Amino acid sequence: MVAATNRVMLELSRRATAETTSEANNIATNRISLLCESVSVSTTKNAFPIDVPFSGVIAGESSTIVMDLGSTRKQVTLNGTIYEQEITKFKGGEESKRDPVKLTSYEIAQLIHSYVDSSFVHEDQNISKLIMLIPSRVDNDFKYRSSESDPQTADSNVDGTPFNVDGNTELKDLPLIPFHFANRAYDVSSWSYGQTKKTFDYLKSTGDEIEGIRGFISDFNTDISSAEEPGIKFSMTFVQSSTAVSDFINTTF
């Protein structure tokens, strides 16, 4: 089971390009964990209602139509406290496995501030993904997670033993999946471009890659006060956005 300190994490672009070997990879590699006290998710749809003139005169009831542009702004606001923690930086290539180092809360705060100030062309500084792990009962096909429901991709615990989930399974015993804005495959039409193949896969190992929310940090604020020391209060807004341009540049150059 993933520790509570690793339920919310920021991931650097380098994680995806370092080609980290399984021996060097762990849940903390090129990631920073956040201890959150509150998480607020905002989904704002761009739709414009238009009142139909004279509709009330004709029908006795006025009507409104909506212009749906098919676009939505999605962002996550996080508030919590930063404490000292171990992080593992890894560039891949000729670099061998690196040992974790423990940074103070002040160093973690400074590190995130410097990363927010950086650009997407710097893979070791660019925070490109927010990971929030949540408990899950239901798989991609709106069925309880069970080794009997899909023998080809049998769900199992980290130790390989199969398990069955039902409506009475307690939250603490459920597998974890990343929070995101995708739909389950059952809801996706055959003509849709929506990608759900691995989006609802649960975390089997702490070394697994995790499909989180891709985007950028639009603001990061910290409050250093004597009452909280050595902890540092923080607030952050992460905006979901496409990383296609930065991924292309980072891969090509």
Protein backbone atom coordinates (compact mmCIF):
# COMPACT_ATOMS: atom_id res chain seq x y z
CA MET A 1 0.00 0.00 0.00
CA VAL A 2 1.26 3.49 -0.84
CA ALA A 3 2.06 5.61 2.20
CA ALA A 4 -0.15 8.62 2.92
CA THR A 5 2.83 10.92 2.30
CA ASN A 6 2.85 9.78 -1.34
CA ARG A 7 -0.84 10.29 -2.12
CA VAL A 8 -0.25 13.75 -3.67
CA MET A 9 2.89 14.33 -5.73
CA LEU A 10 4.42 16.72 -8.25
CA GLU A 11 6.30 15.08 -11.12
CA LEU A 12 9.15 16.52 -13.16
CA SER A 13 9.34 16.15 -16.95
CA ARG A 14 12.60 14.22 -16.49
CA ARG A 15 10.66 11.29 -15.04
CA ALA A 16 9.19 10.52 -18.47
CA THR A 17 12.41 10.95 -20.46
CA ALA A 18 15.08 9.52 -18.15
CA GLU A 19 14.31 5.91 -19.16
CA THR A 20 14.78 4.96 -15.53
CA THR A 21 15.58 1.33 -14.95
CA SER A 22 13.37 -0.66 -12.61
CA GLU A 23 16.27 -0.99 -10.17
CA ALA A 24 16.70 2.79 -9.96
CA ASN A 25 13.03 3.66 -10.00
CA ASN A 26 10.81 4.23 -6.98
CA ILE A 27 7.75 6.29 -6.18
CA ALA A 28 9.91 9.28 -5.16
CA THR A 29 12.16 9.40 -8.23
CA ASN A 30 11.92 12.88 -9.81
CA ARG A 31 8.84 13.60 -7.71
CA ILE A 32 8.01 15.84 -4.74
CA SER A 33 5.36 14.74 -2.25
CA LEU A 34 2.87 17.21 -0.82
CA LEU A 35 1.06 16.91 2.50
CA CYS A 36 -2.30 18.52 1.72
CA GLU A 37 -4.94 19.66 4.18
CA SER A 38 -7.43 20.58 1.46
CA VAL A 39 -7.73 19.93 -2.27
CA SER A 40 -10.20 21.87 -4.42
CA VAL A 41 -10.95 20.77 -7.99
CA SER A 42 -12.54 23.25 -10.37
CA THR A 43 -14.06 22.38 -13.76
CA THR A 44 -15.38 25.40 -15.64
CA LYS A 45 -17.22 24.71 -18.91
CA ASN A 46 -17.14 27.29 -21.70
CA ALA A 47 -20.78 27.34 -22.75
CA PHE A 48 -22.75 30.44 -23.69
CA PRO A 49 -26.51 30.56 -23.05
CA ILE A 50 -28.54 32.59 -25.53
CA ASP A 51 -32.08 33.71 -24.79
CA VAL A 52 -34.39 33.10 -27.75
CA PRO A 53 -36.23 36.34 -28.59
CA PHE A 54 -40.05 36.22 -28.59
CA SER A 55 -40.06 32.50 -27.57
CA GLY A 56 -42.27 33.37 -24.59
CA VAL A 57 -44.77 35.16 -26.85
CA ILE A 58 -45.17 32.14 -29.12
CA ALA A 59 -45.03 29.25 -26.65
CA GLY A 60 -46.06 30.95 -23.44
CA GLU A 61 -42.70 30.02 -21.96
CA SER A 62 -39.38 31.60 -22.80
CA SER A 63 -36.56 29.39 -24.09
CA THR A 64 -32.80 29.47 -23.91
CA ILE A 65 -30.34 27.70 -26.16
CA VAL A 66 -26.69 27.09 -25.38
CA MET A 67 -23.59 27.32 -27.55
CA ASP A 68 -21.29 24.52 -26.37
CA LEU A 69 -17.73 25.15 -27.56
CA GLY A 70 -16.48 21.81 -26.25
CA SER A 71 -13.80 23.42 -24.08
CA THR A 72 -13.35 23.45 -20.32
CA ARG A 73 -10.81 24.96 -17.94
CA LYS A 74 -9.71 22.49 -15.28
CA GLN A 75 -7.57 23.34 -12.30
CA VAL A 76 -6.71 22.03 -8.85
CA THR A 77 -6.03 24.21 -5.81
CA LEU A 78 -4.01 22.64 -3.01
CA ASN A 79 -3.35 23.86 0.53
CA GLY A 80 -1.15 22.17 3.08
CA THR A 81 2.15 22.11 4.95
CA ILE A 82 5.65 21.40 3.69
CA TYR A 83 7.91 19.32 5.92
CA GLU A 84 11.37 17.91 5.32
CA GLN A 85 11.39 14.92 3.01
CA GLU A 86 13.62 12.65 0.98
CA ILE A 87 13.72 13.16 -2.78
CA THR A 88 15.55 11.26 -5.51
CA LYS A 89 16.82 13.08 -8.59
CA PHE A 90 17.76 10.96 -11.62
CA LYS A 91 18.72 12.04 -15.17
CA GLY A 92 19.10 8.59 -16.70
CA GLY A 93 21.54 7.92 -19.51
CA GLU A 94 25.02 7.15 -18.18
CA GLU A 95 24.04 8.14 -14.66
CA SER A 96 23.73 5.21 -12.28
CA LYS A 97 21.23 4.86 -9.48
CA ARG A 98 21.25 7.82 -7.10
CA ASP A 99 20.56 7.68 -3.38
CA PRO A 100 17.78 9.82 -1.90
CA VAL A 101 18.68 12.99 -0.02
CA LYS A 102 16.67 14.64 2.76
CA LEU A 103 15.85 18.30 2.19
CA THR A 104 14.60 20.65 4.90
CA SER A 105 11.15 22.19 4.55
CA TYR A 106 12.83 25.47 3.59
CA GLU A 107 14.79 23.75 0.84
CA ILE A 108 11.66 22.03 -0.49
CA ALA A 109 9.81 25.37 -0.59
CA GLN A 110 12.74 27.06 -2.36
CA LEU A 111 13.00 24.16 -4.80
CA ILE A 112 9.34 24.35 -5.85
CA HIS A 113 9.50 28.15 -6.17
CA SER A 114 12.52 27.83 -8.48
CA TYR A 115 10.81 25.12 -10.52
CA VAL A 116 7.67 27.24 -10.99
CA ASP A 117 9.93 30.07 -12.16
CA SER A 118 11.62 27.79 -14.72
CA SER A 119 10.62 26.87 -18.29
CA PHE A 120 9.34 23.67 -19.89
CA VAL A 121 12.56 23.30 -21.91
CA HIS A 122 14.43 22.41 -18.69
CA GLU A 123 13.33 18.86 -17.96
CA ASP A 124 15.01 18.67 -14.56
CA GLN A 125 13.18 21.81 -13.42
CA ASN A 126 9.83 21.61 -15.18
CA ILE A 127 6.94 20.31 -13.06
CA SER A 128 4.60 18.86 -15.68
CA LYS A 129 2.29 16.53 -13.77
CA LEU A 130 0.17 16.47 -10.63
CA ILE A 131 -0.58 13.05 -9.14
CA MET A 132 -3.41 12.56 -6.67
CA LEU A 133 -4.08 8.93 -5.73
CA ILE A 134 -7.65 8.04 -4.77
CA PRO A 135 -9.26 4.72 -3.69
CA SER A 136 -11.22 2.90 -6.43
CA ARG A 137 -13.85 0.16 -6.44
CA VAL A 138 -14.83 0.22 -10.12
CA ASP A 139 -12.74 -0.60 -13.21
CA ASN A 140 -12.78 0.79 -16.77
CA ASP A 141 -15.95 -1.17 -17.60
CA PHE A 142 -17.97 -0.04 -14.56
CA LYS A 143 -17.51 -3.39 -12.84
CA TYR A 144 -16.13 -4.07 -9.39
CA ARG A 145 -12.42 -4.76 -9.55
CA SER A 146 -12.05 -8.54 -9.55
CA SER A 147 -9.74 -11.14 -11.05
CA GLU A 148 -12.86 -12.97 -12.27
CA SER A 149 -14.27 -10.04 -14.28
CA ASP A 150 -11.30 -9.78 -16.65
CA PRO A 151 -8.94 -12.79 -16.65
CA GLN A 152 -6.69 -11.15 -19.25
CA THR A 153 -5.83 -8.28 -16.93
CA ALA A 154 -6.50 -9.85 -13.57
CA ASP A 155 -6.40 -7.40 -10.70
CA SER A 156 -4.10 -8.42 -7.91
CA ASN A 157 -2.37 -7.03 -4.88
CA VAL A 158 1.23 -5.87 -5.02
CA ASP A 159 2.29 -9.34 -3.85
CA GLY A 160 0.46 -10.95 -6.78
CA THR A 161 -2.44 -12.48 -4.87
CA PRO A 162 -5.87 -11.87 -6.49
CA PHE A 163 -8.51 -9.85 -4.73
CA ASN A 164 -12.20 -9.09 -5.16
CA VAL A 165 -13.80 -5.74 -4.50
CA ASP A 166 -17.48 -5.12 -3.77
CA GLY A 167 -19.66 -2.30 -2.50
CA ASN A 168 -18.77 -3.11 1.10
CA THR A 169 -14.99 -3.06 0.72
CA GLU A 170 -13.59 -0.41 3.05
CA LEU A 171 -11.74 2.57 1.59
CA LYS A 172 -8.49 1.61 3.31
CA ASP A 173 -8.54 -1.78 1.55
CA LEU A 174 -9.18 -0.46 -1.97
CA PRO A 175 -6.51 -0.14 -4.67
CA LEU A 176 -5.43 3.36 -5.69
CA ILE A 177 -5.88 5.12 -9.05
CA PRO A 178 -4.83 8.62 -10.10
CA PHE A 179 -7.41 11.41 -10.19
CA HIS A 180 -7.85 12.80 -13.72
CA PHE A 181 -10.49 14.16 -16.07
CA ALA A 182 -10.79 11.18 -18.43
CA ASN A 183 -13.88 8.98 -18.82
CA ARG A 184 -14.06 5.24 -18.36
CA ALA A 185 -13.92 3.20 -21.57
CA TYR A 186 -17.55 2.14 -21.14
CA ASP A 187 -18.65 5.77 -21.59
CA VAL A 188 -16.42 6.53 -24.58
CA SER A 189 -18.02 6.23 -28.02
CA SER A 190 -16.23 4.20 -30.66
CA TRP A 191 -15.61 7.30 -32.77
CA SER A 192 -14.22 9.32 -29.87
CA TYR A 193 -10.56 10.25 -29.63
CA GLY A 194 -10.67 9.88 -25.84
CA GLN A 195 -7.76 7.89 -24.40
CA THR A 196 -8.75 5.62 -21.51
CA LYS A 197 -6.68 2.47 -22.07
CA LYS A 198 -4.49 2.74 -18.95
CA THR A 199 -6.06 5.74 -17.28
CA PHE A 200 -8.05 3.69 -14.78
CA ASP A 201 -5.37 1.09 -14.08
CA TYR A 202 -4.67 0.90 -10.38
CA LEU A 203 -1.21 1.21 -8.86
CA LYS A 204 0.28 -2.27 -8.58
CA SER A 205 3.81 -1.31 -7.57
CA THR A 206 5.46 1.79 -6.12
CA GLY A 207 7.73 1.78 -9.17
CA ASP A 208 4.86 2.01 -11.66
CA GLU A 209 4.42 5.03 -13.89
CA ILE A 210 1.27 6.94 -12.94
CA GLU A 211 -1.12 8.68 -15.32
CA GLY A 212 -1.88 11.90 -13.46
CA ILE A 213 -2.97 15.39 -14.49
CA ARG A 214 -0.63 17.00 -17.00
CA GLY A 215 -0.21 20.76 -16.94
CA PHE A 216 1.62 23.51 -15.04
CA ILE A 217 1.65 25.36 -11.72
CA SER A 218 0.16 28.81 -12.26
CA ASP A 219 0.89 30.06 -8.74
CA PHE A 220 2.70 28.83 -5.63
CA ASN A 221 2.66 30.65 -2.31
CA THR A 222 4.39 29.87 0.97
CA ASP A 223 4.02 31.33 4.46
CA ILE A 224 6.93 30.97 6.86
CA SER A 225 5.78 31.74 10.40
CA SER A 226 7.22 30.88 13.81
CA ALA A 227 3.98 29.16 14.84
CA GLU A 228 4.32 26.54 12.11
CA GLU A 229 8.08 26.02 12.04
CA PRO A 230 9.68 23.84 10.88
CA GLY A 231 6.59 23.28 8.73
CA ILE A 232 5.81 25.81 5.99
CA LYS A 233 2.25 26.52 4.93
CA PHE A 234 1.67 26.53 1.17
CA SER A 235 -1.03 27.09 -1.42
CA MET A 236 -0.81 26.12 -5.07
CA THR A 237 -2.90 26.17 -8.23
CA PHE A 238 -2.24 23.52 -10.88
CA VAL A 239 -3.85 24.04 -14.30
CA GLN A 240 -4.52 21.06 -16.59
CA SER A 241 -3.11 21.71 -20.06
CA SER A 242 -1.63 19.97 -23.05
CA THR A 243 2.10 19.30 -22.95
CA ALA A 244 2.42 18.32 -26.61
CA VAL A 245 4.75 21.20 -27.55
CA SER A 246 7.08 20.78 -24.57
CA ASP A 247 7.14 16.99 -24.97
CA PHE A 248 8.13 17.39 -28.63
CA ILE A 249 10.91 19.86 -27.84
CA ASN A 250 12.26 17.81 -24.92
CA THR A 251 12.28 14.63 -27.00
CA THR A 252 13.79 16.17 -30.13
CA PHE A 253 16.51 18.39 -28.74
